[in-house]
Structures are given as C-alpha cells and as structure tokens.
Amino acid sequence: MVDFNPNTPTSKLNYPTDYKLESLALFAPGFSGALDLLPHMVELNYFEDIYNNTISGNVVISDSVGILNFASLGGTEFIVVRFRKSDDLPISVDRVFRVFSVSDRRFDLSNNHEIYKIEFCSEEYLLSEQYRISKSYKGQKISDMVADICNTYLKIGGTGKKQLYVDDTIGSYDFVLPNKKPIETINWLSNYALPSSGTTGADILFFENRIGYFFTSLQHMYKTDAVLSFLYNPKNISNDVFAKMTSVLKFEVLNYVDTLDAMNRGTFANRVISVDPIRRKKTTTDFNYNEYYKQSTTLNGSPVTNNYKNRHGKQLFDTPPKDMEAGVLRMMITNMGQQSDVAYIKNKPGSVSNDYRVEQYLPNRVSQLSLANYTRLKLTVPGNSSIFAGMCINFTASSMNQMNEKGSRPIDPYLSGKYLISAVRHIITPISYISVIEICKDSGIMNYSGVDPNSSTWNGFVTGNQNNNN
C-alpha cells in the first residue's frame, strides 16, 4: 500500500510544516459552480482510522459574508479536499466528501462575523445509514460477500470510483444477513473471517484511507515495509528539510504494559467452550499466546511477556490447572462437524449449514485486536500527505538514561521499533500543516527481562514464605 519515496528531493520546501492546499471547494445548491472556502478557512481537519470504517473531517470557517445563507446549505452538499506536501512530494489527498452537518456555530456581531464547522465524511457512510440488507448467501466465502456488499450497496469499486481491496478468506459459509446496515454488516462478517494469505487467526478489519477501502488483516499490514522512519530527539538541530520532516515534534504514550487489562481481555490466554445442541457435544478451545506468537506475523521480533510463573506454576499464557477454569471464558453454539455426521445428513443434502468455525475465529480475534494495541503512542510530526492509516513506520525514541560521551541519549528499546499507523489526523491552518498519528505495535525489538525461578529471594517473596524478623 505504501507509495511514498523518502528519497524524493525537497528543494522547494522552506520549512517542514509547509504545504500546498490545492482545493477546498463547496458544491451547494445556492451556487452555479463551486464556492472556494480557502479565503474563509481557519483550520482543516482530515481523519483516517483503521478502527473507523470511513474517512471523516471538518473545516472551521470564519464567515463574514453569509456563506450558509447563500449556499442554502442543508446537509446534502459536497466538498472537494485536495492537498499535498509540495510539488516535490506529489502524493496528495484528493477526495470528494459529503457535507452532513454544521456544528459549533457562534456569532460575533460586534466584529461582524461568525465561526462554525462544516462536518464532512465519505459518501459511503451516509449511503450505508440509509439502507438495511436482508439477503442470504449460501456456500460463499466471506470475502466474496463483502465484495458484493461494497459493489452492490455502497457502489465502491469499478471504473472511475474508489479502489476496493479485499483479502481472500477461507471457508464457505451459509449466512442470512440479519437486516443490518451495509457497513454494519461488513463489520459483523469481519468477526467470522479467516484470511487465506498465510496469516494466523481472525484479525480482519474494514476501513478506508486515502488509497481506498480495505478488507484486510492486521498481519497482512504488518508484512508491509516501514518506508518512513521517525525520530524523537529534542537535540536534533539538523538543517536538512527532510530530516526535519521525519523528526517527531512531541509524543505521548497512550498504552504501555498493562498486564491486568491484558488478562481481563484474554490477550494472553482465553477459553471458548462451544456446544453443539444437536449432537450434544462440547468442545473446549484454548488460546495460548506463546503458541500463537511462534506461528504468527508480528511487527517486531520479541514477545510482550517474560517467563514469570504464578503460585500455581503457570505462566500468563498457560491453560489453568485441571480443577480451575480460565479467567476469560466464553460459551458459544457451534455446528462443527455436523456435515460429516452421517446420522444427520443422510438422504438430506443441504440440511446442515456450513461450519462457521467459532473455534477458530473467536479465541484468536479476542487476543489479536488487544495485542495490536498493546503499546500505543501518539506522535505529532510535520504535516505529510503521504502518511495514511494502515501503513508501517519505524519510530526511534530516546531513553531517559544519561547522555553518552557524544552528547546524545541511547535508544529506548521498549518504545522504539516498527509500528502500524492506526489513525492519522492531518491538521492544516493558514500558516502550518501538522500530522497527528496514532501508532501501535504488538511486539518489541527487545525481550522483557525474565525471572530467575531458582532465586531463593524471589521464590520466598512470591510464595509468601519470606522470613518475618519483626
């Protein structure tokens, strides 16, 4: 998905926050053509998120000529947004959005103007909210169902329209869509989808970025190269414009090492008990993070757990002792194996639906979505229109350790590494352009220190057998 070349010359850039806003045009019934909003713009916000299905944004307007009245704006208008970094960096955001709201409208009669936000989003979202699907699919892959919904109901894909990228999935399913809205239906199908691209688990998401719509797995995104490398070092005083473009202005840690939350979510271990009411059989499926990590695609090379064992001699990812149940437990109905049971399908072909694989998708998806955000940061960087949700970057953070003899700080091995951009907000004002990006990773570049099980001090402390000398 990455089409940004970091070696592109930047000779025409004077400052790292420079930009070229080529179009901010409103198409409304009150005008024969387009109304240029650039002279009235206070701020433009453009937002992508892999956990939101469509692009959205807003433009803050300072209005002293009565635009809303002249435009007869009623929530069915279109706005064209087109911006890029510079002529040297031609990758641009170029989209037509639907206006759906005017918010935060405030009057200042003394200065003879008003301030308000024109809210916009992709037209597919409004289209999805307008209809519901009542349809059955028999013996089809989920990827084919999603492609059909996108093309038939959302009108995505085809010549002259937005691009649609759908990862192939395994298995045939018999589904009667439960009268949900199109995008809501795709999200529902995502829960069952198992990628056929050699990845493990059930981590498919549906989202839009500046390239198009994607129905793809987290692990598929993890496999892409990290084209950009960002550095947070307050001492960076380079005069190179590109170096400044990849320098982090500030960053914030959103998620970092929360074992209790991970245990509650079933990140390291969870259990699904599936019951077949027809055959009166029960199946127990355990998710083990250690086993999953060995066969999955990850952003970095090291897991997020160590070898600590609790008082029962179990690690975070181990199944519980025989006389105990798993901390994260789910009960589900299953139809696994019904089609191969001659007693039920003899002389009744098609009487049993295809296996919907609850034992495969549920325990994996619960963990994978949690792992994807195990470490999550927010970076503020000079604006860059090539950045989009779903791309991978490298991030290097300086440690708080003492500076070395060269006057620089060592790398923080736990915050640094390869990250996935989960969300990006491009913020443009008349004088500057910045991008605020949320990045996340499921693994590290360095192992967390292990626990020495032979340490008498450690054993005595955790088992409660330490001597009390009081």
Protein backbone atom coordinates (compact mmCIF):
# COMPACT_ATOMS: atom_id res chain seq x y z
CA MET A 1 0.00 0.00 0.00
CA VAL A 2 2.95 2.36 0.53
CA ASP A 3 3.74 4.64 -2.41
CA PHE A 4 5.93 7.23 -0.73
CA ASN A 5 9.56 7.61 -1.76
CA PRO A 6 11.63 9.11 1.06
CA ASN A 7 14.45 9.86 -1.35
CA THR A 8 12.37 12.39 -3.27
CA PRO A 9 14.15 15.78 -3.24
CA THR A 10 12.64 18.50 -1.09
CA SER A 11 14.41 21.55 -2.50
CA LYS A 12 11.22 23.59 -2.80
CA LEU A 13 10.33 23.16 0.87
CA ASN A 14 11.44 26.02 3.07
CA TYR A 15 10.00 24.67 6.31
CA PRO A 16 8.90 21.17 7.35
CA THR A 17 5.34 22.39 8.03
CA ASP A 18 4.89 23.87 4.53
CA TYR A 19 2.05 22.56 2.39
CA LYS A 20 0.09 23.12 -0.78
CA LEU A 21 -3.70 23.22 -0.32
CA GLU A 22 -4.94 22.99 -3.89
CA SER A 23 -8.68 22.83 -3.36
CA LEU A 24 -11.25 23.36 -0.64
CA ALA A 25 -14.39 23.85 -2.68
CA LEU A 26 -18.02 23.60 -1.62
CA PHE A 27 -20.62 22.46 -4.15
CA ALA A 28 -24.03 23.65 -2.95
CA PRO A 29 -27.46 24.35 -4.49
CA GLY A 30 -27.09 28.10 -3.94
CA PHE A 31 -24.15 28.33 -6.36
CA SER A 32 -23.96 27.57 -10.05
CA GLY A 33 -20.40 26.30 -9.59
CA ALA A 34 -18.10 25.75 -6.63
CA LEU A 35 -17.52 28.13 -3.74
CA ASP A 36 -13.86 28.48 -2.78
CA LEU A 37 -13.61 28.15 1.02
CA LEU A 38 -9.87 28.83 1.18
CA PRO A 39 -10.21 32.57 1.96
CA HIS A 40 -12.52 31.71 4.88
CA MET A 41 -10.69 28.67 6.30
CA VAL A 42 -9.43 28.77 9.87
CA GLU A 43 -8.49 25.10 10.12
CA LEU A 44 -8.93 21.91 8.08
CA ASN A 45 -9.04 18.52 9.81
CA TYR A 46 -8.88 15.24 7.90
CA PHE A 47 -9.10 11.92 9.81
CA GLU A 48 -8.42 8.24 8.98
CA ASP A 49 -8.61 5.31 11.41
CA ILE A 50 -8.37 1.56 10.81
CA TYR A 51 -10.97 1.06 13.56
CA ASN A 52 -13.39 3.52 11.91
CA ASN A 53 -14.81 2.43 8.60
CA THR A 54 -14.69 5.68 6.63
CA ILE A 55 -12.75 8.94 6.39
CA SER A 56 -14.18 11.99 8.10
CA GLY A 57 -13.19 15.56 8.88
CA ASN A 58 -14.24 19.15 9.23
CA VAL A 59 -13.28 22.64 8.15
CA VAL A 60 -13.53 25.57 10.55
CA ILE A 61 -14.87 28.65 8.76
CA SER A 62 -14.73 32.34 9.68
CA ASP A 63 -17.68 33.78 7.76
CA SER A 64 -18.41 37.48 7.30
CA VAL A 65 -20.37 37.20 4.03
CA GLY A 66 -23.20 34.79 4.97
CA ILE A 67 -22.00 31.66 3.18
CA LEU A 68 -24.55 29.38 4.82
CA ASN A 69 -27.46 31.51 3.64
CA PHE A 70 -26.18 31.97 0.09
CA ALA A 71 -25.32 28.27 -0.20
CA SER A 72 -28.70 27.17 1.15
CA LEU A 73 -26.72 24.51 2.97
CA GLY A 74 -28.95 21.67 4.12
CA GLY A 75 -26.67 18.67 4.60
CA THR A 76 -26.68 17.26 1.06
CA GLU A 77 -23.71 19.19 -0.33
CA PHE A 78 -20.28 18.07 -1.48
CA ILE A 79 -16.86 19.38 -0.59
CA VAL A 80 -13.65 18.78 -2.54
CA VAL A 81 -10.47 18.45 -0.45
CA ARG A 82 -7.14 18.31 -2.24
CA PHE A 83 -3.78 18.93 -0.58
CA ARG A 84 -0.18 17.78 -0.81
CA LYS A 85 3.12 18.48 0.85
CA SER A 86 4.72 20.24 -2.11
CA ASP A 87 5.37 19.91 -5.84
CA ASP A 88 8.46 17.86 -4.93
CA LEU A 89 6.32 15.43 -2.91
CA PRO A 90 3.40 14.87 -5.30
CA ILE A 91 1.48 12.33 -3.22
CA SER A 92 -1.75 14.05 -2.32
CA VAL A 93 -5.03 13.61 -0.52
CA ASP A 94 -7.66 14.15 -3.21
CA ARG A 95 -11.23 13.32 -2.24
CA VAL A 96 -14.84 14.42 -2.67
CA PHE A 97 -16.81 14.23 0.59
CA ARG A 98 -20.41 14.64 1.63
CA VAL A 99 -21.28 17.52 3.94
CA PHE A 100 -23.59 16.27 6.68
CA SER A 101 -23.60 18.90 9.42
CA VAL A 102 -22.76 22.44 10.51
CA SER A 103 -21.66 22.46 14.14
CA ASP A 104 -20.31 24.78 16.83
CA ARG A 105 -21.88 27.83 15.20
CA ARG A 106 -21.03 31.01 17.15
CA PHE A 107 -21.85 34.62 16.27
CA ASP A 108 -19.75 37.71 16.92
CA LEU A 109 -21.96 40.59 15.83
CA SER A 110 -19.54 43.21 17.12
CA ASN A 111 -16.89 42.04 14.68
CA ASN A 112 -19.49 41.18 12.05
CA HIS A 113 -18.60 37.52 11.54
CA GLU A 114 -19.43 34.01 12.69
CA ILE A 115 -17.40 30.84 13.30
CA TYR A 116 -18.64 27.33 12.55
CA LYS A 117 -17.52 23.86 11.46
CA ILE A 118 -18.60 22.21 8.25
CA GLU A 119 -18.51 18.48 9.02
CA PHE A 120 -17.91 16.02 6.20
CA CYS A 121 -17.42 12.28 5.65
CA SER A 122 -17.23 9.74 2.85
CA GLU A 123 -20.48 9.38 0.98
CA GLU A 124 -20.46 5.61 1.55
CA TYR A 125 -21.13 6.16 5.24
CA LEU A 126 -24.30 8.19 4.60
CA LEU A 127 -25.35 5.66 1.96
CA SER A 128 -24.89 2.85 4.48
CA GLU A 129 -27.01 4.65 7.07
CA GLN A 130 -29.85 4.97 4.59
CA TYR A 131 -30.46 1.27 3.92
CA ARG A 132 -30.51 -2.19 5.51
CA ILE A 133 -29.66 -5.51 3.90
CA SER A 134 -31.95 -8.52 4.02
CA LYS A 135 -30.25 -11.17 1.95
CA SER A 136 -28.94 -14.72 2.15
CA TYR A 137 -25.60 -16.08 0.98
CA LYS A 138 -25.16 -19.83 0.61
CA GLY A 139 -21.85 -21.61 0.20
CA GLN A 140 -19.82 -18.43 -0.34
CA LYS A 141 -16.58 -17.06 1.06
CA ILE A 142 -16.85 -14.06 3.34
CA SER A 143 -14.51 -12.10 1.08
CA ASP A 144 -16.99 -12.61 -1.80
CA MET A 145 -19.88 -11.47 0.40
CA VAL A 146 -18.00 -8.31 1.38
CA ALA A 147 -17.09 -7.53 -2.23
CA ASP A 148 -20.73 -7.96 -3.25
CA ILE A 149 -21.98 -5.65 -0.48
CA CYS A 150 -19.39 -2.99 -1.35
CA ASN A 151 -20.21 -3.09 -5.06
CA THR A 152 -23.97 -3.59 -4.89
CA TYR A 153 -24.99 -1.46 -1.92
CA LEU A 154 -22.14 1.01 -1.37
CA LYS A 155 -21.16 1.32 -5.04
CA ILE A 156 -17.43 1.06 -4.27
CA GLY A 157 -15.12 -0.15 -7.00
CA GLY A 158 -15.40 -0.06 -10.75
CA THR A 159 -14.13 2.44 -13.30
CA GLY A 160 -13.84 5.98 -12.01
CA LYS A 161 -14.74 5.09 -8.43
CA LYS A 162 -12.75 4.43 -5.25
CA GLN A 163 -10.50 1.41 -5.19
CA LEU A 164 -11.56 -1.66 -3.20
CA TYR A 165 -9.05 -4.18 -1.83
CA VAL A 166 -10.47 -7.38 -0.33
CA ASP A 167 -8.24 -10.08 1.14
CA ASP A 168 -9.26 -13.59 0.19
CA THR A 169 -10.75 -15.67 3.03
CA ILE A 170 -11.03 -19.40 3.62
CA GLY A 171 -14.13 -21.50 4.00
CA SER A 172 -17.67 -21.46 2.62
CA TYR A 173 -20.46 -20.05 4.77
CA ASP A 174 -24.24 -20.01 4.77
CA PHE A 175 -25.39 -16.66 6.17
CA VAL A 176 -28.71 -14.89 6.29
CA LEU A 177 -27.77 -11.24 6.81
CA PRO A 178 -29.64 -10.06 9.90
CA ASN A 179 -31.23 -6.87 8.49
CA LYS A 180 -28.22 -4.73 9.28
CA LYS A 181 -26.88 -1.65 7.50
CA PRO A 182 -24.21 -2.38 4.83
CA ILE A 183 -21.13 -1.23 6.77
CA GLU A 184 -22.56 -2.71 9.97
CA THR A 185 -22.98 -6.00 8.09
CA ILE A 186 -19.36 -5.94 6.89
CA ASN A 187 -18.17 -5.39 10.46
CA TRP A 188 -20.32 -8.33 11.55
CA LEU A 189 -18.84 -10.54 8.82
CA SER A 190 -15.32 -9.44 9.81
CA ASN A 191 -15.73 -11.26 13.11
CA TYR A 192 -16.01 -14.60 11.28
CA ALA A 193 -13.45 -14.01 8.53
CA LEU A 194 -10.27 -16.09 8.42
CA PRO A 195 -7.57 -14.86 5.99
CA SER A 196 -6.23 -17.28 3.42
CA SER A 197 -2.98 -15.31 2.89
CA GLY A 198 -0.86 -17.43 5.20
CA THR A 199 -1.61 -15.37 8.28
CA THR A 200 -2.85 -16.79 11.56
CA GLY A 201 -6.09 -16.12 13.37
CA ALA A 202 -9.01 -13.83 12.62
CA ASP A 203 -7.78 -10.24 12.60
CA ILE A 204 -9.51 -8.74 9.55
CA LEU A 205 -10.67 -5.11 9.62
CA PHE A 206 -12.66 -2.95 7.20
CA PHE A 207 -11.55 0.66 6.79
CA GLU A 208 -10.89 3.49 4.35
CA ASN A 209 -7.75 5.53 3.79
CA ARG A 210 -6.68 7.93 1.05
CA ILE A 211 -5.91 4.97 -1.25
CA GLY A 212 -9.31 3.29 -0.98
CA TYR A 213 -11.29 0.76 1.03
CA PHE A 214 -9.57 -2.25 2.57
CA PHE A 215 -10.91 -5.52 3.94
CA THR A 216 -7.60 -6.85 5.22
CA SER A 217 -5.90 -8.43 8.22
CA LEU A 218 -3.60 -6.83 10.75
CA GLN A 219 -0.90 -9.38 9.94
CA HIS A 220 -1.15 -8.51 6.25
CA MET A 221 -0.45 -4.88 7.17
CA TYR A 222 2.40 -5.97 9.47
CA LYS A 223 4.15 -7.55 6.47
CA THR A 224 4.48 -4.26 4.58
CA ASP A 225 7.78 -2.43 4.72
CA ALA A 226 8.29 0.52 7.02
CA VAL A 227 9.11 3.21 4.46
CA LEU A 228 9.32 6.16 6.86
CA SER A 229 11.46 6.37 9.98
CA PHE A 230 10.60 8.94 12.63
CA LEU A 231 12.98 10.06 15.36
CA TYR A 232 12.22 11.77 18.66
CA ASN A 233 15.32 13.58 19.82
CA PRO A 234 14.92 17.10 21.23
CA LYS A 235 18.58 17.77 20.39
CA ASN A 236 18.02 17.28 16.66
CA ILE A 237 19.07 20.59 15.06
CA SER A 238 19.69 19.37 11.51
CA ASN A 239 19.17 21.91 8.73
CA ASP A 240 18.07 19.21 6.29
CA VAL A 241 14.38 19.72 5.48
CA PHE A 242 13.63 16.02 5.04
CA ALA A 243 15.34 15.21 8.36
CA LYS A 244 13.08 17.77 10.00
CA MET A 245 10.04 16.23 8.27
CA THR A 246 10.77 12.91 9.97
CA SER A 247 11.51 14.45 13.36
CA VAL A 248 8.81 14.00 15.99
CA LEU A 249 7.74 17.32 17.47
CA LYS A 250 6.23 15.62 20.53
CA PHE A 251 4.83 12.25 21.51
CA GLU A 252 2.55 10.79 24.15
CA VAL A 253 2.32 7.23 25.44
CA LEU A 254 -1.30 6.05 25.29
CA ASN A 255 -0.91 2.35 26.15
CA TYR A 256 2.10 0.71 27.74
CA VAL A 257 2.40 -2.54 29.74
CA ASP A 258 -0.94 -3.21 31.40
CA THR A 259 -0.90 -6.89 32.37
CA LEU A 260 -4.15 -6.69 34.35
CA ASP A 261 -6.04 -5.24 31.41
CA ALA A 262 -4.48 -7.83 29.08
CA MET A 263 -5.58 -10.69 31.36
CA ASN A 264 -9.12 -9.29 31.56
CA ARG A 265 -9.31 -9.06 27.78
CA GLY A 266 -7.95 -12.57 27.19
CA THR A 267 -4.87 -11.25 25.40
CA PHE A 268 -2.50 -13.97 26.61
CA ALA A 269 -4.97 -16.75 27.33
CA ASN A 270 -8.68 -17.29 26.85
CA ARG A 271 -11.02 -20.23 26.51
CA VAL A 272 -14.08 -20.89 24.35
CA ILE A 273 -16.49 -23.67 25.24
CA SER A 274 -18.62 -24.42 22.18
CA VAL A 275 -21.72 -26.58 22.48
CA ASP A 276 -23.48 -28.45 19.67
CA PRO A 277 -27.12 -28.79 20.83
CA ILE A 278 -27.99 -31.20 18.01
CA ARG A 279 -25.25 -33.73 18.64
CA ARG A 280 -24.99 -32.88 22.35
CA LYS A 281 -21.24 -32.42 22.21
CA LYS A 282 -18.96 -29.92 23.89
CA THR A 283 -15.62 -28.64 22.57
CA THR A 284 -13.06 -26.67 24.56
CA THR A 285 -10.66 -24.39 22.65
CA ASP A 286 -7.83 -22.58 24.43
CA PHE A 287 -5.85 -19.64 23.09
CA ASN A 288 -2.19 -19.69 24.10
CA TYR A 289 -0.22 -16.54 23.31
CA ASN A 290 3.10 -18.37 23.33
CA GLU A 291 1.96 -20.88 20.71
CA TYR A 292 0.26 -18.16 18.66
CA TYR A 293 3.38 -15.97 18.65
CA LYS A 294 5.53 -18.77 17.21
CA GLN A 295 3.42 -19.05 14.06
CA SER A 296 2.06 -15.52 13.54
CA THR A 297 3.39 -12.48 11.70
CA THR A 298 4.44 -9.71 14.07
CA LEU A 299 5.84 -6.22 13.68
CA ASN A 300 8.96 -6.93 15.74
CA GLY A 301 10.90 -9.94 16.93
CA SER A 302 10.22 -10.13 20.66
CA PRO A 303 7.05 -11.08 22.58
CA VAL A 304 5.49 -8.86 25.23
CA THR A 305 5.69 -11.38 28.09
CA ASN A 306 8.50 -12.96 30.08
CA ASN A 307 8.84 -16.31 31.87
CA TYR A 308 7.16 -15.28 35.14
CA LYS A 309 5.17 -18.08 36.79
CA ASN A 310 2.41 -17.59 39.36
CA ARG A 311 1.93 -19.56 42.56
CA HIS A 312 0.35 -22.41 40.59
CA GLY A 313 3.45 -22.67 38.43
CA LYS A 314 1.62 -21.25 35.39
CA GLN A 315 2.71 -18.51 33.02
CA LEU A 316 0.40 -15.80 31.68
CA PHE A 317 -0.44 -17.80 28.56
CA ASP A 318 -0.83 -21.25 30.16
CA THR A 319 -4.14 -23.08 30.48
CA PRO A 320 -5.43 -23.26 34.06
CA PRO A 321 -4.95 -26.28 36.32
CA LYS A 322 -7.45 -29.12 35.89
CA ASP A 323 -9.58 -28.13 38.87
CA MET A 324 -9.88 -24.48 37.72
CA GLU A 325 -11.49 -22.63 34.83
CA ALA A 326 -9.98 -19.98 32.58
CA GLY A 327 -10.24 -16.37 33.71
CA VAL A 328 -11.62 -15.27 30.31
CA LEU A 329 -14.31 -17.75 29.33
CA ARG A 330 -16.94 -17.64 26.58
CA MET A 331 -19.78 -20.01 25.78
CA MET A 332 -20.87 -20.36 22.14
CA ILE A 333 -23.15 -22.51 20.00
CA THR A 334 -21.30 -24.48 17.32
CA ASN A 335 -22.13 -26.58 14.27
CA MET A 336 -18.61 -28.00 13.89
CA GLY A 337 -18.62 -31.46 12.34
CA GLN A 338 -22.35 -31.64 11.68
CA GLN A 339 -21.94 -32.04 7.92
CA SER A 340 -19.67 -35.03 8.38
CA ASP A 341 -22.06 -36.73 10.76
CA VAL A 342 -23.85 -39.29 8.60
CA ALA A 343 -26.66 -39.70 11.13
CA TYR A 344 -27.89 -36.19 10.44
CA ILE A 345 -27.18 -35.60 6.75
CA LYS A 346 -28.02 -39.00 5.25
CA ASN A 347 -30.61 -38.54 2.50
CA LYS A 348 -30.85 -34.81 3.45
CA PRO A 349 -28.22 -32.96 1.44
CA GLY A 350 -28.02 -29.29 2.37
CA SER A 351 -29.94 -29.81 5.59
CA VAL A 352 -26.94 -28.72 7.67
CA SER A 353 -25.23 -25.38 7.11
CA ASN A 354 -21.50 -24.98 6.59
CA ASP A 355 -19.32 -24.78 9.66
CA TYR A 356 -18.95 -21.17 10.78
CA ARG A 357 -15.73 -22.01 12.65
CA VAL A 358 -16.38 -20.41 16.01
CA GLU A 359 -13.47 -22.40 17.47
CA GLN A 360 -11.08 -20.70 15.05
CA TYR A 361 -12.20 -17.09 14.91
CA LEU A 362 -13.35 -16.25 18.44
CA PRO A 363 -10.36 -17.07 20.68
CA ASN A 364 -7.90 -15.65 18.14
CA ARG A 365 -9.73 -12.41 17.34
CA VAL A 366 -10.21 -11.53 21.00
CA SER A 367 -6.47 -11.68 21.57
CA GLN A 368 -5.26 -10.24 18.27
CA LEU A 369 -7.21 -6.98 18.48
CA SER A 370 -5.93 -6.48 22.01
CA LEU A 371 -2.33 -7.32 21.10
CA ALA A 372 -2.41 -4.87 18.20
CA ASN A 373 -2.70 -2.02 20.70
CA TYR A 374 -0.52 -3.40 23.47
CA THR A 375 1.87 -0.46 23.00
CA ARG A 376 0.25 2.66 21.55
CA LEU A 377 1.71 6.13 21.05
CA LYS A 378 0.54 9.46 19.67
CA LEU A 379 3.09 11.37 17.58
CA THR A 380 2.91 14.93 16.33
CA VAL A 381 5.02 15.37 13.21
CA PRO A 382 5.39 17.94 10.42
CA GLY A 383 2.50 17.50 8.01
CA ASN A 384 2.96 14.77 5.42
CA SER A 385 0.20 13.88 2.95
CA SER A 386 1.86 10.52 2.18
CA ILE A 387 1.02 9.20 5.66
CA PHE A 388 -2.12 7.08 5.86
CA ALA A 389 -3.83 4.69 8.26
CA GLY A 390 -2.63 1.13 7.71
CA MET A 391 0.98 1.87 6.76
CA CYS A 392 4.03 0.84 8.79
CA ILE A 393 6.75 3.14 10.07
CA ASN A 394 9.83 2.90 12.25
CA PHE A 395 9.95 5.03 15.38
CA THR A 396 13.04 5.68 17.48
CA ALA A 397 12.67 7.20 20.93
CA SER A 398 15.50 8.44 23.09
CA SER A 399 15.87 6.92 26.53
CA MET A 400 15.95 8.97 29.73
CA ASN A 401 19.28 7.37 30.57
CA GLN A 402 22.26 9.64 30.89
CA MET A 403 23.80 11.02 27.71
CA ASN A 404 26.81 9.23 26.30
CA GLU A 405 30.19 10.82 25.61
CA LYS A 406 28.91 12.20 22.28
CA GLY A 407 26.16 14.17 24.00
CA SER A 408 23.25 12.03 22.77
CA ARG A 409 20.88 9.75 24.62
CA PRO A 410 20.67 5.99 24.00
CA ILE A 411 17.67 4.44 22.26
CA ASP A 412 14.68 3.37 24.35
CA PRO A 413 14.46 -0.33 23.33
CA TYR A 414 10.87 -0.76 24.55
CA LEU A 415 9.24 2.27 22.90
CA SER A 416 11.28 2.06 19.69
CA GLY A 417 10.57 -0.34 16.84
CA LYS A 418 8.33 -0.97 13.88
CA TYR A 419 4.78 0.35 14.31
CA LEU A 420 1.49 0.27 12.45
CA ILE A 421 -0.27 3.61 11.96
CA SER A 422 -3.76 3.02 13.31
CA ALA A 423 -5.00 6.58 12.85
CA VAL A 424 -3.86 9.86 11.33
CA ARG A 425 -5.25 13.37 11.59
CA HIS A 426 -3.97 15.96 9.12
CA ILE A 427 -4.39 19.47 10.52
CA ILE A 428 -3.95 22.43 8.16
CA THR A 429 -4.14 26.10 9.16
CA PRO A 430 -3.32 29.15 7.04
CA ILE A 431 0.25 29.12 8.38
CA SER A 432 1.16 25.49 9.08
CA TYR A 433 0.47 21.80 8.48
CA ILE A 434 1.00 19.05 11.04
CA SER A 435 0.00 15.40 11.21
CA VAL A 436 -1.03 13.72 14.45
CA ILE A 437 -0.64 9.97 14.15
CA GLU A 438 -1.52 7.13 16.49
CA ILE A 439 0.85 4.20 16.16
CA CYS A 440 0.65 0.76 17.75
CA LYS A 441 2.67 -2.43 17.94
CA ASP A 442 2.09 -5.99 19.12
CA SER A 443 5.70 -6.85 19.91
CA GLY A 444 9.08 -5.35 20.72
CA ILE A 445 12.65 -5.19 19.48
CA MET A 446 13.92 -6.43 22.84
CA ASN A 447 12.75 -9.16 25.22
CA TYR A 448 11.39 -8.21 28.60
CA SER A 449 13.71 -9.44 31.33
CA GLY A 450 12.96 -12.91 32.58
CA VAL A 451 12.55 -14.08 36.14
CA ASP A 452 15.09 -16.45 37.66
CA PRO A 453 12.99 -19.32 39.05
CA ASN A 454 15.99 -20.53 41.10
CA SER A 455 16.38 -17.30 43.01
CA SER A 456 15.72 -18.01 46.69
CA THR A 457 14.86 -14.36 47.33
CA TRP A 458 12.33 -14.32 44.51
CA ASN A 459 10.77 -17.67 45.45
CA GLY A 460 10.48 -16.65 49.06
CA PHE A 461 8.78 -13.39 48.22
CA VAL A 462 6.16 -14.59 45.73
CA THR A 463 5.18 -17.66 47.73
CA GLY A 464 4.66 -15.69 50.90
CA ASN A 465 7.33 -17.72 52.78
CA GLN A 466 9.72 -14.85 53.41
CA ASN A 467 11.05 -14.61 56.97
CA ASN A 468 9.45 -12.05 59.26
CA ASN A 469 12.09 -10.66 61.58
CA ASN A 470 9.86 -8.13 63.34
